PDB file of N, CA and C in Angstrom:
ATOM      1  N   MET A   1     -27.651 -36.503 -21.909  1.00  0.00           N
ATOM      2  CA  MET A   1     -26.440 -35.709 -21.858  1.00  0.00           C
ATOM      3  C   MET A   1     -25.686 -35.883 -23.180  1.00  0.00           C
ATOM      4  N   GLN A   2     -25.214 -34.781 -23.744  1.00  0.00           N
ATOM      5  CA  GLN A   2     -24.488 -34.839 -25.002  1.00  0.00           C
ATOM      6  C   GLN A   2     -23.137 -35.512 -24.810  1.00  0.00           C
ATOM      7  N   LYS A   3     -22.673 -36.163 -25.868  1.00  0.00           N
ATOM      8  CA  LYS A   3     -21.424 -36.907 -25.830  1.00  0.00           C
ATOM      9  C   LYS A   3     -20.246 -36.032 -25.411  1.00  0.00           C
ATOM     10  N   THR A   4     -20.133 -34.837 -25.995  1.00  0.00           N
ATOM     11  CA  THR A   4     -18.994 -33.967 -25.667  1.00  0.00           C
ATOM     12  C   THR A   4     -19.070 -33.492 -24.224  1.00  0.00           C
ATOM     13  N   SER A   5     -20.260 -33.208 -23.751  1.00  0.00           N
ATOM     14  CA  SER A   5     -20.442 -32.775 -22.368  1.00  0.00           C
ATOM     15  C   SER A   5     -20.090 -33.900 -21.401  1.00  0.00           C
ATOM     16  N   LEU A   6     -20.525 -35.113 -21.725  1.00  0.00           N
ATOM     17  CA  LEU A   6     -20.220 -36.278 -20.888  1.00  0.00           C
ATOM     18  C   LEU A   6     -18.721 -36.557 -20.887  1.00  0.00           C
ATOM     19  N   ASN A   7     -18.105 -36.528 -22.073  1.00  0.00           N
ATOM     20  CA  ASN A   7     -16.657 -36.747 -22.166  1.00  0.00           C
ATOM     21  C   ASN A   7     -15.891 -35.731 -21.327  1.00  0.00           C
ATOM     22  N   LYS A   8     -16.288 -34.466 -21.427  1.00  0.00           N
ATOM     23  CA  LYS A   8     -15.614 -33.410 -20.663  1.00  0.00           C
ATOM     24  C   LYS A   8     -15.753 -33.660 -19.171  1.00  0.00           C
ATOM     25  N   LYS A   9     -16.935 -34.038 -18.739  1.00  0.00           N
ATOM     26  CA  LYS A   9     -17.168 -34.289 -17.322  1.00  0.00           C
ATOM     27  C   LYS A   9     -16.278 -35.431 -16.813  1.00  0.00           C
ATOM     28  N   ILE A  10     -16.197 -36.503 -17.590  1.00  0.00           N
ATOM     29  CA  ILE A  10     -15.366 -37.649 -17.200  1.00  0.00           C
ATOM     30  C   ILE A  10     -13.895 -37.269 -17.199  1.00  0.00           C
ATOM     31  N   LEU A  11     -13.448 -36.593 -18.241  1.00  0.00           N
ATOM     32  CA  LEU A  11     -12.040 -36.183 -18.309  1.00  0.00           C
ATOM     33  C   LEU A  11     -11.689 -35.224 -17.177  1.00  0.00           C
ATOM     34  N   ASP A  12     -12.610 -34.339 -16.818  1.00  0.00           N
ATOM     35  CA  ASP A  12     -12.376 -33.433 -15.689  1.00  0.00           C
ATOM     36  C   ASP A  12     -12.233 -34.209 -14.379  1.00  0.00           C
ATOM     37  N   ILE A  13     -13.049 -35.227 -14.191  1.00  0.00           N
ATOM     38  CA  ILE A  13     -12.949 -36.057 -12.981  1.00  0.00           C
ATOM     39  C   ILE A  13     -11.577 -36.720 -12.931  1.00  0.00           C
ATOM     40  N   ILE A  14     -11.136 -37.264 -14.053  1.00  0.00           N
ATOM     41  CA  ILE A  14      -9.820 -37.931 -14.094  1.00  0.00           C
ATOM     42  C   ILE A  14      -8.711 -36.933 -13.794  1.00  0.00           C
ATOM     43  N   LYS A  15      -8.757 -35.754 -14.429  1.00  0.00           N
ATOM     44  CA  LYS A  15      -7.715 -34.739 -14.203  1.00  0.00           C
ATOM     45  C   LYS A  15      -7.673 -34.301 -12.744  1.00  0.00           C
ATOM     46  N   ILE A  16      -8.825 -34.121 -12.141  1.00  0.00           N
ATOM     47  CA  ILE A  16      -8.881 -33.702 -10.736  1.00  0.00           C
ATOM     48  C   ILE A  16      -8.305 -34.785  -9.832  1.00  0.00           C
ATOM     49  N   GLU A  17      -8.708 -36.025 -10.058  1.00  0.00           N
ATOM     50  CA  GLU A  17      -8.214 -37.130  -9.228  1.00  0.00           C
ATOM     51  C   GLU A  17      -6.703 -37.315  -9.351  1.00  0.00           C
ATOM     52  N   LEU A  18      -6.186 -37.138 -10.561  1.00  0.00           N
ATOM     53  CA  LEU A  18      -4.751 -37.327 -10.787  1.00  0.00           C
ATOM     54  C   LEU A  18      -3.941 -36.059 -10.530  1.00  0.00           C
ATOM     55  N   LYS A  19      -4.653 -34.946 -10.322  1.00  0.00           N
ATOM     56  CA  LYS A  19      -3.999 -33.647 -10.118  1.00  0.00           C
ATOM     57  C   LYS A  19      -3.067 -33.314 -11.285  1.00  0.00           C
ATOM     58  N   ILE A  20      -3.628 -33.441 -12.499  1.00  0.00           N
ATOM     59  CA  ILE A  20      -2.888 -33.108 -13.709  1.00  0.00           C
ATOM     60  C   ILE A  20      -3.714 -32.134 -14.550  1.00  0.00           C
ATOM     61  N   LYS A  21      -3.065 -31.483 -15.510  1.00  0.00           N
ATOM     62  CA  LYS A  21      -3.749 -30.469 -16.323  1.00  0.00           C
ATOM     63  C   LYS A  21      -4.247 -31.008 -17.650  1.00  0.00           C
ATOM     64  N   LYS A  22      -3.572 -32.028 -18.204  1.00  0.00           N
ATOM     65  CA  LYS A  22      -3.953 -32.557 -19.511  1.00  0.00           C
ATOM     66  C   LYS A  22      -4.144 -34.063 -19.426  1.00  0.00           C
ATOM     67  N   ILE A  23      -5.112 -34.549 -20.198  1.00  0.00           N
ATOM     68  CA  ILE A  23      -5.379 -35.986 -20.276  1.00  0.00           C
ATOM     69  C   ILE A  23      -5.731 -36.303 -21.721  1.00  0.00           C
ATOM     70  N   SER A  24      -5.335 -37.464 -22.197  1.00  0.00           N
ATOM     71  CA  SER A  24      -5.679 -37.860 -23.570  1.00  0.00           C
ATOM     72  C   SER A  24      -6.379 -39.210 -23.556  1.00  0.00           C
ATOM     73  N   ILE A  25      -6.915 -39.581 -24.680  1.00  0.00           N
ATOM     74  CA  ILE A  25      -7.636 -40.841 -24.832  1.00  0.00           C
ATOM     75  C   ILE A  25      -6.688 -42.029 -24.640  1.00  0.00           C
ATOM     76  N   LYS A  26      -5.400 -41.815 -24.822  1.00  0.00           N
ATOM     77  CA  LYS A  26      -4.411 -42.892 -24.699  1.00  0.00           C
ATOM     78  C   LYS A  26      -3.928 -43.095 -23.263  1.00  0.00           C
ATOM     79  N   ASP A  27      -4.263 -42.191 -22.362  1.00  0.00           N
ATOM     80  CA  ASP A  27      -3.778 -42.283 -20.984  1.00  0.00           C
ATOM     81  C   ASP A  27      -4.471 -43.398 -20.219  1.00  0.00           C
ATOM     82  N   GLY A  28      -3.751 -43.936 -19.243  1.00  0.00           N
ATOM     83  CA  GLY A  28      -4.321 -44.989 -18.422  1.00  0.00           C
ATOM     84  C   GLY A  28      -3.371 -45.434 -17.331  1.00  0.00           C
ATOM     85  N   ILE A  29      -3.786 -46.462 -16.624  1.00  0.00           N
ATOM     86  CA  ILE A  29      -3.004 -46.989 -15.511  1.00  0.00           C
ATOM     87  C   ILE A  29      -1.642 -47.462 -16.044  1.00  0.00           C
ATOM     88  N   ASN A  30      -0.591 -47.145 -15.332  1.00  0.00           N
ATOM     89  CA  ASN A  30       0.791 -47.494 -15.667  1.00  0.00           C
ATOM     90  C   ASN A  30       1.293 -46.853 -16.958  1.00  0.00           C
ATOM     91  N   ILE A  31       0.487 -46.009 -17.592  1.00  0.00           N
ATOM     92  CA  ILE A  31       0.931 -45.247 -18.764  1.00  0.00           C
ATOM     93  C   ILE A  31       1.137 -43.800 -18.338  1.00  0.00           C
ATOM     94  N   THR A  32       0.185 -43.300 -17.585  1.00  0.00           N
ATOM     95  CA  THR A  32       0.226 -41.935 -17.083  1.00  0.00           C
ATOM     96  C   THR A  32       0.894 -41.957 -15.715  1.00  0.00           C
ATOM     97  N   LYS A  33       1.821 -41.043 -15.503  1.00  0.00           N
ATOM     98  CA  LYS A  33       2.687 -41.061 -14.321  1.00  0.00           C
ATOM     99  C   LYS A  33       1.933 -41.221 -12.998  1.00  0.00           C
ATOM    100  N   LYS A  34       0.899 -40.453 -12.757  1.00  0.00           N
ATOM    101  CA  LYS A  34       0.215 -40.475 -11.463  1.00  0.00           C
ATOM    102  C   LYS A  34      -0.958 -41.463 -11.404  1.00  0.00           C
ATOM    103  N   TRP A  35      -1.186 -42.221 -12.479  1.00  0.00           N
ATOM    104  CA  TRP A  35      -2.336 -43.122 -12.560  1.00  0.00           C
ATOM    105  C   TRP A  35      -1.917 -44.532 -12.154  1.00  0.00           C
ATOM    106  N   ASP A  36      -2.169 -44.882 -10.897  1.00  0.00           N
ATOM    107  CA  ASP A  36      -1.877 -46.224 -10.403  1.00  0.00           C
ATOM    108  C   ASP A  36      -3.185 -46.898  -9.986  1.00  0.00           C
ATOM    109  N   SER A  37      -3.104 -48.059  -9.360  1.00  0.00           N
ATOM    110  CA  SER A  37      -4.314 -48.822  -9.027  1.00  0.00           C
ATOM    111  C   SER A  37      -5.206 -48.086  -8.029  1.00  0.00           C
ATOM    112  N   ILE A  38      -4.619 -47.398  -7.085  1.00  0.00           N
ATOM    113  CA  ILE A  38      -5.406 -46.658  -6.089  1.00  0.00           C
ATOM    114  C   ILE A  38      -6.097 -45.459  -6.743  1.00  0.00           C
ATOM    115  N   SER A  39      -5.373 -44.723  -7.555  1.00  0.00           N
ATOM    116  CA  SER A  39      -6.002 -43.576  -8.218  1.00  0.00           C
ATOM    117  C   SER A  39      -7.056 -44.051  -9.209  1.00  0.00           C
ATOM    118  N   ASN A  40      -6.860 -45.217  -9.829  1.00  0.00           N
ATOM    119  CA  ASN A  40      -7.873 -45.762 -10.739  1.00  0.00           C
ATOM    120  C   ASN A  40      -9.164 -46.051  -9.977  1.00  0.00           C
ATOM    121  N   LEU A  41      -9.047 -46.640  -8.810  1.00  0.00           N
ATOM    122  CA  LEU A  41     -10.220 -46.907  -7.975  1.00  0.00           C
ATOM    123  C   LEU A  41     -10.915 -45.599  -7.610  1.00  0.00           C
ATOM    124  N   ASN A  42     -10.150 -44.606  -7.210  1.00  0.00           N
ATOM    125  CA  ASN A  42     -10.722 -43.302  -6.851  1.00  0.00           C
ATOM    126  C   ASN A  42     -11.419 -42.640  -8.036  1.00  0.00           C
ATOM    127  N   ILE A  43     -10.837 -42.760  -9.220  1.00  0.00           N
ATOM    128  CA  ILE A  43     -11.456 -42.208 -10.432  1.00  0.00           C
ATOM    129  C   ILE A  43     -12.819 -42.852 -10.663  1.00  0.00           C
ATOM    130  N   LEU A  44     -12.871 -44.174 -10.610  1.00  0.00           N
ATOM    131  CA  LEU A  44     -14.122 -44.890 -10.859  1.00  0.00           C
ATOM    132  C   LEU A  44     -15.168 -44.590  -9.789  1.00  0.00           C
ATOM    133  N   LEU A  45     -14.745 -44.469  -8.548  1.00  0.00           N
ATOM    134  CA  LEU A  45     -15.686 -44.124  -7.473  1.00  0.00           C
ATOM    135  C   LEU A  45     -16.244 -42.719  -7.662  1.00  0.00           C
ATOM    136  N   GLN A  46     -15.405 -41.787  -8.097  1.00  0.00           N
ATOM    137  CA  GLN A  46     -15.868 -40.425  -8.347  1.00  0.00           C
ATOM    138  C   GLN A  46     -16.836 -40.376  -9.524  1.00  0.00           C
ATOM    139  N   ILE A  47     -16.542 -41.142 -10.558  1.00  0.00           N
ATOM    140  CA  ILE A  47     -17.445 -41.190 -11.714  1.00  0.00           C
ATOM    141  C   ILE A  47     -18.792 -41.756 -11.285  1.00  0.00           C
ATOM    142  N   GLU A  48     -18.771 -42.823 -10.493  1.00  0.00           N
ATOM    143  CA  GLU A  48     -20.022 -43.390  -9.980  1.00  0.00           C
ATOM    144  C   GLU A  48     -20.820 -42.337  -9.208  1.00  0.00           C
ATOM    145  N   SER A  49     -20.145 -41.647  -8.338  1.00  0.00           N
ATOM    146  CA  SER A  49     -20.798 -40.658  -7.484  1.00  0.00           C
ATOM    147  C   SER A  49     -21.357 -39.475  -8.287  1.00  0.00           C
ATOM    148  N   LYS A  50     -20.539 -38.915  -9.157  1.00  0.00           N
ATOM    149  CA  LYS A  50     -20.936 -37.714  -9.890  1.00  0.00           C
ATOM    150  C   LYS A  50     -21.990 -37.989 -10.964  1.00  0.00           C
ATOM    151  N   LEU A  51     -21.904 -39.162 -11.603  1.00  0.00           N
ATOM    152  CA  LEU A  51     -22.812 -39.460 -12.708  1.00  0.00           C
ATOM    153  C   LEU A  51     -23.952 -40.394 -12.298  1.00  0.00           C
ATOM    154  N   LYS A  52     -23.945 -40.792 -11.046  1.00  0.00           N
ATOM    155  CA  LYS A  52     -25.016 -41.642 -10.502  1.00  0.00           C
ATOM    156  C   LYS A  52     -25.186 -42.939 -11.304  1.00  0.00           C
ATOM    157  N   ILE A  53     -24.041 -43.606 -11.534  1.00  0.00           N
ATOM    158  CA  ILE A  53     -24.036 -44.908 -12.189  1.00  0.00           C
ATOM    159  C   ILE A  53     -23.287 -45.880 -11.300  1.00  0.00           C
ATOM    160  N   ARG A  54     -23.336 -47.164 -11.625  1.00  0.00           N
ATOM    161  CA  ARG A  54     -22.632 -48.179 -10.850  1.00  0.00           C
ATOM    162  C   ARG A  54     -21.832 -49.078 -11.784  1.00  0.00           C
ATOM    163  N   PHE A  55     -20.624 -49.413 -11.352  1.00  0.00           N
ATOM    164  CA  PHE A  55     -19.787 -50.372 -12.060  1.00  0.00           C
ATOM    165  C   PHE A  55     -19.829 -51.687 -11.297  1.00  0.00           C
ATOM    166  N   ASN A  56     -19.833 -52.815 -12.025  1.00  0.00           N
ATOM    167  CA  ASN A  56     -19.757 -54.102 -11.350  1.00  0.00           C
ATOM    168  C   ASN A  56     -18.286 -54.475 -11.139  1.00  0.00           C
ATOM    169  N   THR A  57     -18.046 -55.573 -10.460  1.00  0.00           N
ATOM    170  CA  THR A  57     -16.681 -55.990 -10.123  1.00  0.00           C
ATOM    171  C   THR A  57     -15.817 -56.190 -11.365  1.00  0.00           C
ATOM    172  N   ARG A  58     -16.378 -56.814 -12.375  1.00  0.00           N
ATOM    173  CA  ARG A  58     -15.622 -57.041 -13.613  1.00  0.00           C
ATOM    174  C   ARG A  58     -15.216 -55.717 -14.255  1.00  0.00           C
ATOM    175  N   GLU A  59     -16.128 -54.752 -14.226  1.00  0.00           N
ATOM    176  CA  GLU A  59     -15.827 -53.440 -14.803  1.00  0.00           C
ATOM    177  C   GLU A  59     -14.729 -52.740 -14.013  1.00  0.00           C
ATOM    178  N   PHE A  60     -14.764 -52.840 -12.693  1.00  0.00           N
ATOM    179  CA  PHE A  60     -13.713 -52.211 -11.896  1.00  0.00           C
ATOM    180  C   PHE A  60     -12.341 -52.760 -12.283  1.00  0.00           C
ATOM    181  N   ASN A  61     -12.284 -54.028 -12.645  1.00  0.00           N
ATOM    182  CA  ASN A  61     -11.005 -54.636 -13.024  1.00  0.00           C
ATOM    183  C   ASN A  61     -10.561 -54.271 -14.433  1.00  0.00           C
ATOM    184  N   SER A  62     -11.511 -53.977 -15.320  1.00  0.00           N
ATOM    185  CA  SER A  62     -11.142 -53.737 -16.715  1.00  0.00           C
ATOM    186  C   SER A  62     -11.092 -52.258 -17.117  1.00  0.00           C
ATOM    187  N   LEU A  63     -11.733 -51.395 -16.345  1.00  0.00           N
ATOM    188  CA  LEU A  63     -11.749 -49.967 -16.691  1.00  0.00           C
ATOM    189  C   LEU A  63     -10.498 -49.299 -16.140  1.00  0.00           C
ATOM    190  N   ASN A  64      -9.436 -49.319 -16.925  1.00  0.00           N
ATOM    191  CA  ASN A  64      -8.171 -48.800 -16.430  1.00  0.00           C
ATOM    192  C   ASN A  64      -7.467 -47.859 -17.408  1.00  0.00           C
ATOM    193  N   ASN A  65      -8.245 -47.318 -18.344  1.00  0.00           N
ATOM    194  CA  ASN A  65      -7.695 -46.281 -19.221  1.00  0.00           C
ATOM    195  C   ASN A  65      -8.833 -45.372 -19.687  1.00  0.00           C
ATOM    196  N   THR A  66      -8.457 -44.241 -20.185  1.00  0.00           N
ATOM    197  CA  THR A  66      -9.435 -43.223 -20.564  1.00  0.00           C
ATOM    198  C   THR A  66     -10.417 -43.746 -21.600  1.00  0.00           C
ATOM    199  N   LYS A  67      -9.915 -44.426 -22.614  1.00  0.00           N
ATOM    200  CA  LYS A  67     -10.765 -44.894 -23.710  1.00  0.00           C
ATOM    201  C   LYS A  67     -11.844 -45.857 -23.216  1.00  0.00           C
ATOM    202  N   THR A  68     -11.473 -46.860 -22.415  1.00  0.00           N
ATOM    203  CA  THR A  68     -12.470 -47.838 -21.961  1.00  0.00           C
ATOM    204  C   THR A  68     -13.442 -47.228 -20.957  1.00  0.00           C
ATOM    205  N   ILE A  69     -12.965 -46.303 -20.150  1.00  0.00           N
ATOM    206  CA  ILE A  69     -13.857 -45.632 -19.202  1.00  0.00           C
ATOM    207  C   ILE A  69     -14.909 -44.826 -19.962  1.00  0.00           C
ATOM    208  N   LEU A  70     -14.481 -44.030 -20.922  1.00  0.00           N
ATOM    209  CA  LEU A  70     -15.420 -43.218 -21.707  1.00  0.00           C
ATOM    210  C   LEU A  70     -16.452 -44.094 -22.415  1.00  0.00           C
ATOM    211  N   SER A  71     -15.993 -45.152 -23.038  1.00  0.00           N
ATOM    212  CA  SER A  71     -16.877 -46.048 -23.765  1.00  0.00           C
ATOM    213  C   SER A  71     -17.905 -46.696 -22.840  1.00  0.00           C
ATOM    214  N   ASN A  72     -17.440 -47.214 -21.721  1.00  0.00           N
ATOM    215  CA  ASN A  72     -18.330 -47.894 -20.777  1.00  0.00           C
ATOM    216  C   ASN A  72     -19.365 -46.942 -20.190  1.00  0.00           C
ATOM    217  N   VAL A  73     -18.943 -45.754 -19.803  1.00  0.00           N
ATOM    218  CA  VAL A  73     -19.864 -44.793 -19.205  1.00  0.00           C
ATOM    219  C   VAL A  73     -20.909 -44.345 -20.220  1.00  0.00           C
ATOM    220  N   ARG A  74     -20.497 -44.117 -21.459  1.00  0.00           N
ATOM    221  CA  ARG A  74     -21.459 -43.732 -22.504  1.00  0.00           C
ATOM    222  C   ARG A  74     -22.549 -44.799 -22.652  1.00  0.00           C
ATOM    223  N   LYS A  75     -22.154 -46.067 -22.640  1.00  0.00           N
ATOM    224  CA  LYS A  75     -23.128 -47.161 -22.743  1.00  0.00           C
ATOM    225  C   LYS A  75     -24.090 -47.157 -21.560  1.00  0.00           C
ATOM    226  N   LYS A  76     -23.570 -46.919 -20.361  1.00  0.00           N
ATOM    227  CA  LYS A  76     -24.406 -46.919 -19.164  1.00  0.00           C
ATOM    228  C   LYS A  76     -25.398 -45.751 -19.167  1.00  0.00           C
ATOM    229  N   ILE A  77     -24.953 -44.609 -19.650  1.00  0.00           N
ATOM    230  CA  ILE A  77     -25.814 -43.420 -19.678  1.00  0.00           C
ATOM    231  C   ILE A  77     -26.937 -43.612 -20.699  1.00  0.00           C
ATOM    232  N   LYS A  78     -26.678 -44.312 -21.797  1.00  0.00           N
ATOM    233  CA  LYS A  78     -27.688 -44.526 -22.833  1.00  0.00           C
ATOM    234  C   LYS A  78     -28.817 -45.436 -22.363  1.00  0.00           C
ATOM    235  N   LYS A  79     -28.546 -46.310 -21.405  1.00  0.00           N
ATOM    236  CA  LYS A  79     -29.557 -47.269 -20.934  1.00  0.00           C
ATOM    237  C   LYS A  79     -30.701 -46.596 -20.255  1.00  0.00           C
TER     238      LYS A  79
END
């Protein structure tokens, strides 16, 4: 999957989960108005489901902003 296509897919999942129209690389938990711990969990679960990948417990605790989510998912897809 191409990087831009993967990024778009992930950003679309985040926007849908948060019910917002715009998202940036700087957005994340407690930075973006609707992004709290519950919505973060839902975002990660949706990414797992849609992209057929799995996050471990440590990743669930650390993936709490757009930048780290994109980076981590790209690494998982390359494997």
